[in-house]
Amino acid sequence: TVSKDNTKRTVYLQMNSLQPEDTAVYYCYLRAYDNPPDYWGHGT
């Protein structure tokens, strides 16, 4: 489940029933209005 808190400027990903195939680096993404517009986190 993805959700966000606008006040905190934070987006969340609640992950349940995780399985080994879910193993990965997870990245946050935002498409803004800059040039280039794409922003990525460093991953967790």
All heavy atoms as atom14 arrays in JSON, in Angstrom:
{
  "sequence": "TVSKDNTKRTVYLQMNSLQPEDTAVYYCYLRAYDNPPDYWGHGT",
  "atom14_mask": [
    [1, 1, 1, 1, 1, 1, 1, 0, 0, 0, 0, 0, 0, 0],
    [1, 1, 1, 1, 1, 1, 1, 0, 0, 0, 0, 0, 0, 0],
    [1, 1, 1, 1, 1, 1, 0, 0, 0, 0, 0, 0, 0, 0],
    [1, 1, 1, 1, 1, 1, 1, 1, 1, 0, 0, 0, 0, 0],
    [1, 1, 1, 1, 1, 1, 1, 1, 0, 0, 0, 0, 0, 0],
    [1, 1, 1, 1, 1, 1, 1, 1, 0, 0, 0, 0, 0, 0],
    [1, 1, 1, 1, 1, 1, 1, 0, 0, 0, 0, 0, 0, 0],
    [1, 1, 1, 1, 1, 1, 1, 1, 1, 0, 0, 0, 0, 0],
    [1, 1, 1, 1, 1, 1, 1, 1, 1, 1, 1, 0, 0, 0],
    [1, 1, 1, 1, 1, 1, 1, 0, 0, 0, 0, 0, 0, 0],
    [1, 1, 1, 1, 1, 1, 1, 0, 0, 0, 0, 0, 0, 0],
    [1, 1, 1, 1, 1, 1, 1, 1, 1, 1, 1, 1, 0, 0],
    [1, 1, 1, 1, 1, 1, 1, 1, 0, 0, 0, 0, 0, 0],
    [1, 1, 1, 1, 1, 1, 1, 1, 1, 0, 0, 0, 0, 0],
    [1, 1, 1, 1, 1, 1, 1, 1, 0, 0, 0, 0, 0, 0],
    [1, 1, 1, 1, 1, 1, 1, 1, 0, 0, 0, 0, 0, 0],
    [1, 1, 1, 1, 1, 1, 0, 0, 0, 0, 0, 0, 0, 0],
    [1, 1, 1, 1, 1, 1, 1, 1, 0, 0, 0, 0, 0, 0],
    [1, 1, 1, 1, 1, 1, 1, 1, 1, 0, 0, 0, 0, 0],
    [1, 1, 1, 1, 1, 1, 1, 0, 0, 0, 0, 0, 0, 0],
    [1, 1, 1, 1, 1, 1, 1, 1, 1, 0, 0, 0, 0, 0],
    [1, 1, 1, 1, 1, 1, 1, 1, 0, 0, 0, 0, 0, 0],
    [1, 1, 1, 1, 1, 1, 1, 0, 0, 0, 0, 0, 0, 0],
    [1, 1, 1, 1, 1, 0, 0, 0, 0, 0, 0, 0, 0, 0],
    [1, 1, 1, 1, 1, 1, 1, 0, 0, 0, 0, 0, 0, 0],
    [1, 1, 1, 1, 1, 1, 1, 1, 1, 1, 1, 1, 0, 0],
    [1, 1, 1, 1, 1, 1, 1, 1, 1, 1, 1, 1, 0, 0],
    [1, 1, 1, 1, 1, 1, 0, 0, 0, 0, 0, 0, 0, 0],
    [1, 1, 1, 1, 1, 1, 1, 1, 1, 1, 1, 1, 0, 0],
    [1, 1, 1, 1, 1, 1, 1, 1, 0, 0, 0, 0, 0, 0],
    [1, 1, 1, 1, 1, 1, 1, 1, 1, 1, 1, 0, 0, 0],
    [1, 1, 1, 1, 1, 0, 0, 0, 0, 0, 0, 0, 0, 0],
    [1, 1, 1, 1, 1, 1, 1, 1, 1, 1, 1, 1, 0, 0],
    [1, 1, 1, 1, 1, 1, 1, 1, 0, 0, 0, 0, 0, 0],
    [1, 1, 1, 1, 1, 1, 1, 1, 0, 0, 0, 0, 0, 0],
    [1, 1, 1, 1, 1, 1, 1, 0, 0, 0, 0, 0, 0, 0],
    [1, 1, 1, 1, 1, 1, 1, 0, 0, 0, 0, 0, 0, 0],
    [1, 1, 1, 1, 1, 1, 1, 1, 0, 0, 0, 0, 0, 0],
    [1, 1, 1, 1, 1, 1, 1, 1, 1, 1, 1, 1, 0, 0],
    [1, 1, 1, 1, 1, 1, 1, 1, 1, 1, 1, 1, 1, 1],
    [1, 1, 1, 1, 0, 0, 0, 0, 0, 0, 0, 0, 0, 0],
    [1, 1, 1, 1, 1, 1, 1, 1, 1, 1, 0, 0, 0, 0],
    [1, 1, 1, 1, 0, 0, 0, 0, 0, 0, 0, 0, 0, 0],
    [1, 1, 1, 1, 1, 1, 1, 0, 0, 0, 0, 0, 0, 0]
  ],
  "atom14_positions": [
    [[0.84, -1.18, 0.0], [0.0, 0.0, 0.0], [0.88, 1.24, 0.0], [1.74, 1.39, 0.87], [-0.93, 0.03, 1.22], [-1.75, -1.14, 1.24], [-1.83, 1.27, 1.16], [0.0, 0.0, 0.0], [0.0, 0.0, 0.0], [0.0, 0.0, 0.0], [0.0, 0.0, 0.0], [0.0, 0.0, 0.0], [0.0, 0.0, 0.0], [0.0, 0.0, 0.0]],
    [[0.66, 2.1, -0.97], [1.39, 3.36, -1.02], [0.5, 4.46, -0.47], [-0.71, 4.49, -0.71], [1.86, 3.68, -2.46], [0.68, 3.9, -3.4], [2.78, 4.9, -2.46], [0.0, 0.0, 0.0], [0.0, 0.0, 0.0], [0.0, 0.0, 0.0], [0.0, 0.0, 0.0], [0.0, 0.0, 0.0], [0.0, 0.0, 0.0], [0.0, 0.0, 0.0]],
    [[1.09, 5.34, 0.3], [0.35, 6.46, 0.87], [1.29, 7.63, 1.0], [2.51, 7.5, 0.81], [-0.24, 6.09, 2.23], [0.77, 5.76, 3.16], [0.0, 0.0, 0.0], [0.0, 0.0, 0.0], [0.0, 0.0, 0.0], [0.0, 0.0, 0.0], [0.0, 0.0, 0.0], [0.0, 0.0, 0.0], [0.0, 0.0, 0.0], [0.0, 0.0, 0.0]],
    [[0.75, 8.79, 1.29], [1.6, 9.96, 1.46], [1.0, 10.93, 2.46], [-0.21, 10.98, 2.66], [1.85, 10.66, 0.13], [0.61, 11.13, -0.61], [0.98, 11.76, -1.94], [-0.25, 12.18, -2.73], [0.13, 12.81, -4.03], [0.0, 0.0, 0.0], [0.0, 0.0, 0.0], [0.0, 0.0, 0.0], [0.0, 0.0, 0.0], [0.0, 0.0, 0.0]],
    [[1.89, 11.67, 3.07], [1.54, 12.72, 4.01], [2.01, 14.03, 3.41], [3.21, 14.29, 3.35], [2.2, 12.45, 5.36], [1.75, 13.43, 6.43], [1.59, 14.62, 6.14], [1.58, 12.99, 7.59], [0.0, 0.0, 0.0], [0.0, 0.0, 0.0], [0.0, 0.0, 0.0], [0.0, 0.0, 0.0], [0.0, 0.0, 0.0], [0.0, 0.0, 0.0]],
    [[1.08, 14.83, 2.96], [1.45, 16.07, 2.28], [2.14, 17.06, 3.22], [3.05, 17.77, 2.81], [0.22, 16.72, 1.66], [-0.32, 15.94, 0.48], [0.43, 15.26, -0.22], [-1.62, 16.06, 0.24], [0.0, 0.0, 0.0], [0.0, 0.0, 0.0], [0.0, 0.0, 0.0], [0.0, 0.0, 0.0], [0.0, 0.0, 0.0], [0.0, 0.0, 0.0]],
    [[1.7, 17.1, 4.45], [2.29, 18.02, 5.41], [3.76, 17.67, 5.66], [4.62, 18.54, 5.72], [1.52, 18.02, 6.73], [0.17, 18.43, 6.48], [2.16, 18.97, 7.72], [0.0, 0.0, 0.0], [0.0, 0.0, 0.0], [0.0, 0.0, 0.0], [0.0, 0.0, 0.0], [0.0, 0.0, 0.0], [0.0, 0.0, 0.0], [0.0, 0.0, 0.0]],
    [[4.02, 16.39, 5.82], [5.38, 15.93, 6.07], [6.2, 15.76, 4.8], [7.4, 15.48, 4.89], [5.36, 14.61, 6.83], [4.75, 14.71, 8.22], [4.77, 13.36, 8.91], [4.2, 13.45, 10.31], [4.21, 12.14, 10.99], [0.0, 0.0, 0.0], [0.0, 0.0, 0.0], [0.0, 0.0, 0.0], [0.0, 0.0, 0.0], [0.0, 0.0, 0.0]],
    [[5.56, 15.91, 3.65], [6.23, 15.69, 2.36], [6.88, 14.31, 2.33], [8.04, 14.15, 1.92], [7.28, 16.77, 2.09], [6.76, 18.2, 2.1], [5.81, 18.49, 0.94], [5.68, 19.93, 0.72], [4.84, 20.72, 1.39], [4.04, 20.22, 2.32], [4.8, 22.02, 1.1], [0.0, 0.0, 0.0], [0.0, 0.0, 0.0], [0.0, 0.0, 0.0]],
    [[6.13, 13.33, 2.76], [6.65, 11.98, 2.87], [5.71, 11.0, 2.2], [4.49, 11.07, 2.41], [6.86, 11.59, 4.34], [7.78, 12.49, 4.96], [7.41, 10.18, 4.45], [0.0, 0.0, 0.0], [0.0, 0.0, 0.0], [0.0, 0.0, 0.0], [0.0, 0.0, 0.0], [0.0, 0.0, 0.0], [0.0, 0.0, 0.0], [0.0, 0.0, 0.0]],
    [[6.27, 10.1, 1.42], [5.51, 9.03, 0.81], [5.95, 7.71, 1.44], [7.13, 7.51, 1.73], [5.68, 9.01, -0.73], [7.14, 8.8, -1.13], [4.79, 7.95, -1.36], [0.0, 0.0, 0.0], [0.0, 0.0, 0.0], [0.0, 0.0, 0.0], [0.0, 0.0, 0.0], [0.0, 0.0, 0.0], [0.0, 0.0, 0.0], [0.0, 0.0, 0.0]],
    [[5.0, 6.83, 1.65], [5.24, 5.58, 2.34], [4.91, 4.39, 1.45], [4.1, 4.48, 0.53], [4.39, 5.47, 3.61], [4.55, 6.63, 4.56], [3.67, 7.72, 4.51], [5.57, 6.65, 5.5], [3.8, 8.78, 5.39], [5.7, 7.71, 6.38], [4.82, 8.77, 6.32], [4.96, 9.82, 7.19], [0.0, 0.0, 0.0], [0.0, 0.0, 0.0]],
    [[5.53, 3.29, 1.76], [5.18, 2.03, 1.13], [5.08, 0.97, 2.23], [6.1, 0.56, 2.79], [6.2, 1.6, 0.08], [5.89, 0.31, -0.66], [4.64, 0.49, -1.54], [7.08, -0.14, -1.51], [0.0, 0.0, 0.0], [0.0, 0.0, 0.0], [0.0, 0.0, 0.0], [0.0, 0.0, 0.0], [0.0, 0.0, 0.0], [0.0, 0.0, 0.0]],
    [[3.87, 0.58, 2.53], [3.64, -0.5, 3.48], [3.66, -1.82, 2.72], [2.87, -2.02, 1.8], [2.29, -0.32, 4.19], [1.94, -1.43, 5.16], [2.86, -1.47, 6.36], [3.15, -0.44, 6.95], [3.32, -2.66, 6.72], [0.0, 0.0, 0.0], [0.0, 0.0, 0.0], [0.0, 0.0, 0.0], [0.0, 0.0, 0.0], [0.0, 0.0, 0.0]],
    [[4.55, -2.7, 3.12], [4.73, -3.97, 2.44], [4.42, -5.1, 3.42], [5.09, -5.24, 4.44], [6.15, -4.12, 1.89], [6.55, -3.0, 0.93], [8.15, -3.3, 0.14], [9.22, -3.16, 1.58], [0.0, 0.0, 0.0], [0.0, 0.0, 0.0], [0.0, 0.0, 0.0], [0.0, 0.0, 0.0], [0.0, 0.0, 0.0], [0.0, 0.0, 0.0]],
    [[3.41, -5.87, 3.09], [3.02, -7.01, 3.9], [3.22, -8.31, 3.13], [3.35, -8.31, 1.91], [1.55, -6.88, 4.32], [1.27, -5.65, 5.14], [2.09, -5.22, 5.94], [0.08, -5.07, 4.95], [0.0, 0.0, 0.0], [0.0, 0.0, 0.0], [0.0, 0.0, 0.0], [0.0, 0.0, 0.0], [0.0, 0.0, 0.0], [0.0, 0.0, 0.0]],
    [[3.21, -9.4, 3.86], [3.36, -10.73, 3.26], [4.57, -10.8, 2.33], [4.5, -11.32, 1.21], [2.09, -11.12, 2.51], [0.97, -11.13, 3.37], [0.0, 0.0, 0.0], [0.0, 0.0, 0.0], [0.0, 0.0, 0.0], [0.0, 0.0, 0.0], [0.0, 0.0, 0.0], [0.0, 0.0, 0.0], [0.0, 0.0, 0.0], [0.0, 0.0, 0.0]],
    [[5.66, -10.28, 2.79], [6.87, -10.23, 1.97], [7.41, -11.62, 1.68], [7.37, -12.5, 2.54], [7.93, -9.37, 2.65], [7.67, -7.86, 2.6], [8.52, -7.14, 3.62], [7.96, -7.33, 1.19], [0.0, 0.0, 0.0], [0.0, 0.0, 0.0], [0.0, 0.0, 0.0], [0.0, 0.0, 0.0], [0.0, 0.0, 0.0], [0.0, 0.0, 0.0]],
    [[7.91, -11.77, 0.48], [8.48, -13.03, 0.02], [9.89, -12.79, -0.48], [10.27, -11.67, -0.79], [7.61, -13.63, -1.08], [6.19, -13.94, -0.65], [6.13, -14.93, 0.51], [6.82, -15.96, 0.49], [5.32, -14.65, 1.51], [0.0, 0.0, 0.0], [0.0, 0.0, 0.0], [0.0, 0.0, 0.0], [0.0, 0.0, 0.0], [0.0, 0.0, 0.0]],
    [[10.69, -13.86, -0.57], [12.08, -13.69, -1.03], [12.2, -12.96, -2.36], [13.17, -12.23, -2.56], [12.58, -15.13, -1.12], [11.81, -15.86, -0.08], [10.43, -15.24, -0.13], [0.0, 0.0, 0.0], [0.0, 0.0, 0.0], [0.0, 0.0, 0.0], [0.0, 0.0, 0.0], [0.0, 0.0, 0.0], [0.0, 0.0, 0.0], [0.0, 0.0, 0.0]],
    [[11.25, -13.15, -3.26], [11.31, -12.48, -4.55], [11.1, -10.98, -4.45], [11.3, -10.25, -5.43], [10.3, -13.08, -5.54], [8.88, -13.13, -5.01], [8.51, -14.47, -4.4], [9.38, -15.09, -3.76], [7.35, -14.9, -4.57], [0.0, 0.0, 0.0], [0.0, 0.0, 0.0], [0.0, 0.0, 0.0], [0.0, 0.0, 0.0], [0.0, 0.0, 0.0]],
    [[10.71, -10.49, -3.29], [10.6, -9.06, -3.07], [11.94, -8.42, -2.72], [12.03, -7.2, -2.6], [9.6, -8.76, -1.94], [8.19, -9.17, -2.3], [7.74, -8.88, -3.43], [7.52, -9.77, -1.44], [0.0, 0.0, 0.0], [0.0, 0.0, 0.0], [0.0, 0.0, 0.0], [0.0, 0.0, 0.0], [0.0, 0.0, 0.0], [0.0, 0.0, 0.0]],
    [[12.95, -9.24, -2.55], [14.28, -8.73, -2.23], [14.78, -7.83, -3.36], [14.85, -8.25, -4.51], [15.25, -9.88, -1.99], [14.85, -10.61, -0.84], [16.66, -9.35, -1.77], [0.0, 0.0, 0.0], [0.0, 0.0, 0.0], [0.0, 0.0, 0.0], [0.0, 0.0, 0.0], [0.0, 0.0, 0.0], [0.0, 0.0, 0.0], [0.0, 0.0, 0.0]],
    [[15.11, -6.61, -3.02], [15.54, -5.63, -4.01], [15.94, -4.35, -3.3], [15.71, -4.18, -2.11], [14.43, -5.34, -5.02], [0.0, 0.0, 0.0], [0.0, 0.0, 0.0], [0.0, 0.0, 0.0], [0.0, 0.0, 0.0], [0.0, 0.0, 0.0], [0.0, 0.0, 0.0], [0.0, 0.0, 0.0], [0.0, 0.0, 0.0], [0.0, 0.0, 0.0]],
    [[16.54, -3.46, -4.07], [16.71, -2.1, -3.62], [15.48, -1.31, -4.04], [15.11, -1.32, -5.21], [17.99, -1.45, -4.19], [18.1, 0.0, -3.74], [19.21, -2.23, -3.76], [0.0, 0.0, 0.0], [0.0, 0.0, 0.0], [0.0, 0.0, 0.0], [0.0, 0.0, 0.0], [0.0, 0.0, 0.0], [0.0, 0.0, 0.0], [0.0, 0.0, 0.0]],
    [[14.86, -0.66, -3.09], [13.65, 0.09, -3.36], [13.98, 1.58, -3.45], [14.64, 2.13, -2.57], [12.61, -0.16, -2.27], [11.95, -1.52, -2.4], [12.66, -2.68, -2.13], [10.63, -1.63, -2.8], [12.08, -3.92, -2.28], [10.03, -2.87, -2.95], [10.76, -4.01, -2.68], [10.17, -5.25, -2.83], [0.0, 0.0, 0.0], [0.0, 0.0, 0.0]],
    [[13.49, 2.2, -4.52], [13.81, 3.58, -4.8], [12.56, 4.45, -4.78], [11.53, 4.08, -5.32], [14.45, 3.73, -6.18], [15.78, 3.04, -6.34], [15.85, 1.73, -6.79], [16.96, 3.71, -6.04], [17.07, 1.1, -6.94], [18.18, 3.08, -6.19], [18.24, 1.78, -6.64], [19.45, 1.15, -6.8], [0.0, 0.0, 0.0], [0.0, 0.0, 0.0]],
    [[12.69, 5.6, -4.18], [11.66, 6.62, -4.25], [11.82, 7.42, -5.53], [12.94, 7.7, -5.95], [11.76, 7.52, -3.02], [10.45, 8.76, -2.88], [0.0, 0.0, 0.0], [0.0, 0.0, 0.0], [0.0, 0.0, 0.0], [0.0, 0.0, 0.0], [0.0, 0.0, 0.0], [0.0, 0.0, 0.0], [0.0, 0.0, 0.0], [0.0, 0.0, 0.0]],
    [[10.71, 7.8, -6.14], [10.74, 8.5, -7.42], [9.77, 9.67, -7.43], [8.65, 9.57, -6.91], [10.37, 7.54, -8.56], [10.14, 8.23, -9.88], [11.22, 8.62, -10.67], [8.86, 8.5, -10.33], [11.01, 9.26, -11.89], [8.65, 9.14, -11.55], [9.73, 9.52, -12.32], [9.53, 10.15, -13.52], [0.0, 0.0, 0.0], [0.0, 0.0, 0.0]],
    [[10.21, 10.75, -8.03], [9.36, 11.93, -8.22], [9.64, 12.53, -9.59], [10.79, 12.73, -9.96], [9.64, 12.98, -7.14], [9.01, 14.36, -7.36], [7.49, 14.3, -7.21], [9.6, 15.38, -6.39], [0.0, 0.0, 0.0], [0.0, 0.0, 0.0], [0.0, 0.0, 0.0], [0.0, 0.0, 0.0], [0.0, 0.0, 0.0], [0.0, 0.0, 0.0]],
    [[8.58, 12.8, -10.32], [8.7, 13.54, -11.56], [8.22, 14.96, -11.28], [7.04, 15.19, -11.09], [7.88, 12.91, -12.68], [8.1, 13.59, -14.03], [7.42, 12.84, -15.17], [7.7, 13.44, -16.46], [8.76, 13.17, -17.2], [9.66, 12.28, -16.78], [8.94, 13.76, -18.37], [0.0, 0.0, 0.0], [0.0, 0.0, 0.0], [0.0, 0.0, 0.0]],
    [[9.17, 15.88, -11.3], [8.88, 17.26, -10.98], [8.76, 18.09, -12.25], [8.45, 17.59, -13.33], [9.97, 17.81, -10.05], [0.0, 0.0, 0.0], [0.0, 0.0, 0.0], [0.0, 0.0, 0.0], [0.0, 0.0, 0.0], [0.0, 0.0, 0.0], [0.0, 0.0, 0.0], [0.0, 0.0, 0.0], [0.0, 0.0, 0.0], [0.0, 0.0, 0.0]],
    [[9.02, 19.38, -12.13], [8.92, 20.3, -13.26], [10.25, 20.95, -13.57], [10.31, 22.05, -14.09], [7.85, 21.35, -12.99], [6.47, 20.76, -12.82], [5.95, 20.51, -11.56], [5.7, 20.45, -13.94], [4.7, 19.95, -11.41], [4.45, 19.9, -13.8], [3.95, 19.65, -12.53], [2.7, 19.1, -12.39], [0.0, 0.0, 0.0], [0.0, 0.0, 0.0]],
    [[11.31, 20.27, -13.25], [12.65, 20.74, -13.53], [13.15, 20.13, -14.83], [12.48, 19.33, -15.47], [13.58, 20.37, -12.37], [13.13, 20.94, -11.05], [12.75, 22.12, -11.02], [13.15, 20.2, -10.05], [0.0, 0.0, 0.0], [0.0, 0.0, 0.0], [0.0, 0.0, 0.0], [0.0, 0.0, 0.0], [0.0, 0.0, 0.0], [0.0, 0.0, 0.0]],
    [[14.34, 20.51, -15.2], [14.97, 19.97, -16.39], [16.36, 19.47, -16.04], [17.27, 20.29, -15.84], [15.02, 21.02, -17.49], [15.51, 20.45, -18.81], [15.51, 19.25, -19.02], [15.93, 21.34, -19.71], [0.0, 0.0, 0.0], [0.0, 0.0, 0.0], [0.0, 0.0, 0.0], [0.0, 0.0, 0.0], [0.0, 0.0, 0.0], [0.0, 0.0, 0.0]],
    [[16.57, 18.18, -15.97], [15.61, 17.08, -16.15], [14.63, 16.98, -14.99], [14.96, 17.39, -13.87], [16.5, 15.84, -16.24], [17.69, 16.19, -15.41], [17.92, 17.66, -15.65], [0.0, 0.0, 0.0], [0.0, 0.0, 0.0], [0.0, 0.0, 0.0], [0.0, 0.0, 0.0], [0.0, 0.0, 0.0], [0.0, 0.0, 0.0], [0.0, 0.0, 0.0]],
    [[13.45, 16.41, -15.22], [12.4, 16.42, -14.19], [12.44, 15.27, -13.2], [11.78, 15.35, -12.17], [11.12, 16.35, -15.02], [11.51, 15.53, -16.21], [12.94, 15.91, -16.51], [0.0, 0.0, 0.0], [0.0, 0.0, 0.0], [0.0, 0.0, 0.0], [0.0, 0.0, 0.0], [0.0, 0.0, 0.0], [0.0, 0.0, 0.0], [0.0, 0.0, 0.0]],
    [[13.21, 14.23, -13.49], [13.15, 13.02, -12.69], [14.1, 13.07, -11.51], [15.28, 13.38, -11.66], [13.46, 11.79, -13.53], [12.48, 11.6, -14.67], [11.27, 11.84, -14.45], [12.92, 11.23, -15.77], [0.0, 0.0, 0.0], [0.0, 0.0, 0.0], [0.0, 0.0, 0.0], [0.0, 0.0, 0.0], [0.0, 0.0, 0.0], [0.0, 0.0, 0.0]],
    [[13.57, 12.72, -10.34], [14.37, 12.63, -9.13], [14.25, 11.24, -8.55], [13.16, 10.65, -8.51], [13.91, 13.66, -8.1], [14.26, 15.08, -8.46], [13.39, 15.86, -9.2], [15.48, 15.63, -8.06], [13.71, 17.17, -9.55], [15.81, 16.94, -8.4], [14.92, 17.7, -9.15], [15.25, 18.99, -9.48], [0.0, 0.0, 0.0], [0.0, 0.0, 0.0]],
    [[15.37, 10.72, -8.09], [15.43, 9.41, -7.48], [16.14, 9.49, -6.14], [17.12, 10.23, -5.98], [16.2, 8.41, -8.35], [15.55, 8.1, -9.66], [15.75, 8.73, -10.85], [14.6, 7.07, -9.92], [14.99, 8.15, -11.83], [14.27, 7.13, -11.29], [14.0, 6.09, -9.12], [13.37, 6.25, -11.88], [13.1, 5.22, -9.7], [12.8, 5.31, -11.07]],
    [[15.65, 8.72, -5.18], [16.4, 8.54, -3.97], [17.57, 7.6, -4.22], [17.73, 7.04, -5.31], [0.0, 0.0, 0.0], [0.0, 0.0, 0.0], [0.0, 0.0, 0.0], [0.0, 0.0, 0.0], [0.0, 0.0, 0.0], [0.0, 0.0, 0.0], [0.0, 0.0, 0.0], [0.0, 0.0, 0.0], [0.0, 0.0, 0.0], [0.0, 0.0, 0.0]],
    [[18.39, 7.43, -3.21], [19.54, 6.55, -3.34], [19.2, 5.08, -3.12], [20.03, 4.22, -3.39], [20.63, 6.97, -2.37], [21.24, 8.3, -2.68], [21.95, 8.53, -3.84], [21.24, 9.46, -1.99], [22.37, 9.79, -3.86], [21.95, 10.37, -2.75], [0.0, 0.0, 0.0], [0.0, 0.0, 0.0], [0.0, 0.0, 0.0], [0.0, 0.0, 0.0]],
    [[18.01, 4.81, -2.67], [17.55, 3.45, -2.5], [17.72, 2.94, -1.09], [18.63, 3.36, -0.36], [0.0, 0.0, 0.0], [0.0, 0.0, 0.0], [0.0, 0.0, 0.0], [0.0, 0.0, 0.0], [0.0, 0.0, 0.0], [0.0, 0.0, 0.0], [0.0, 0.0, 0.0], [0.0, 0.0, 0.0], [0.0, 0.0, 0.0], [0.0, 0.0, 0.0]],
    [[16.86, 2.02, -0.73], [16.96, 1.34, 0.55], [16.81, -0.16, 0.32], [15.93, -0.6, -0.41], [15.91, 1.86, 1.56], [16.1, 1.24, 2.83], [14.49, 1.62, 1.07], [0.0, 0.0, 0.0], [0.0, 0.0, 0.0], [0.0, 0.0, 0.0], [0.0, 0.0, 0.0], [0.0, 0.0, 0.0], [0.0, 0.0, 0.0], [0.0, 0.0, 0.0]]
  ]
}
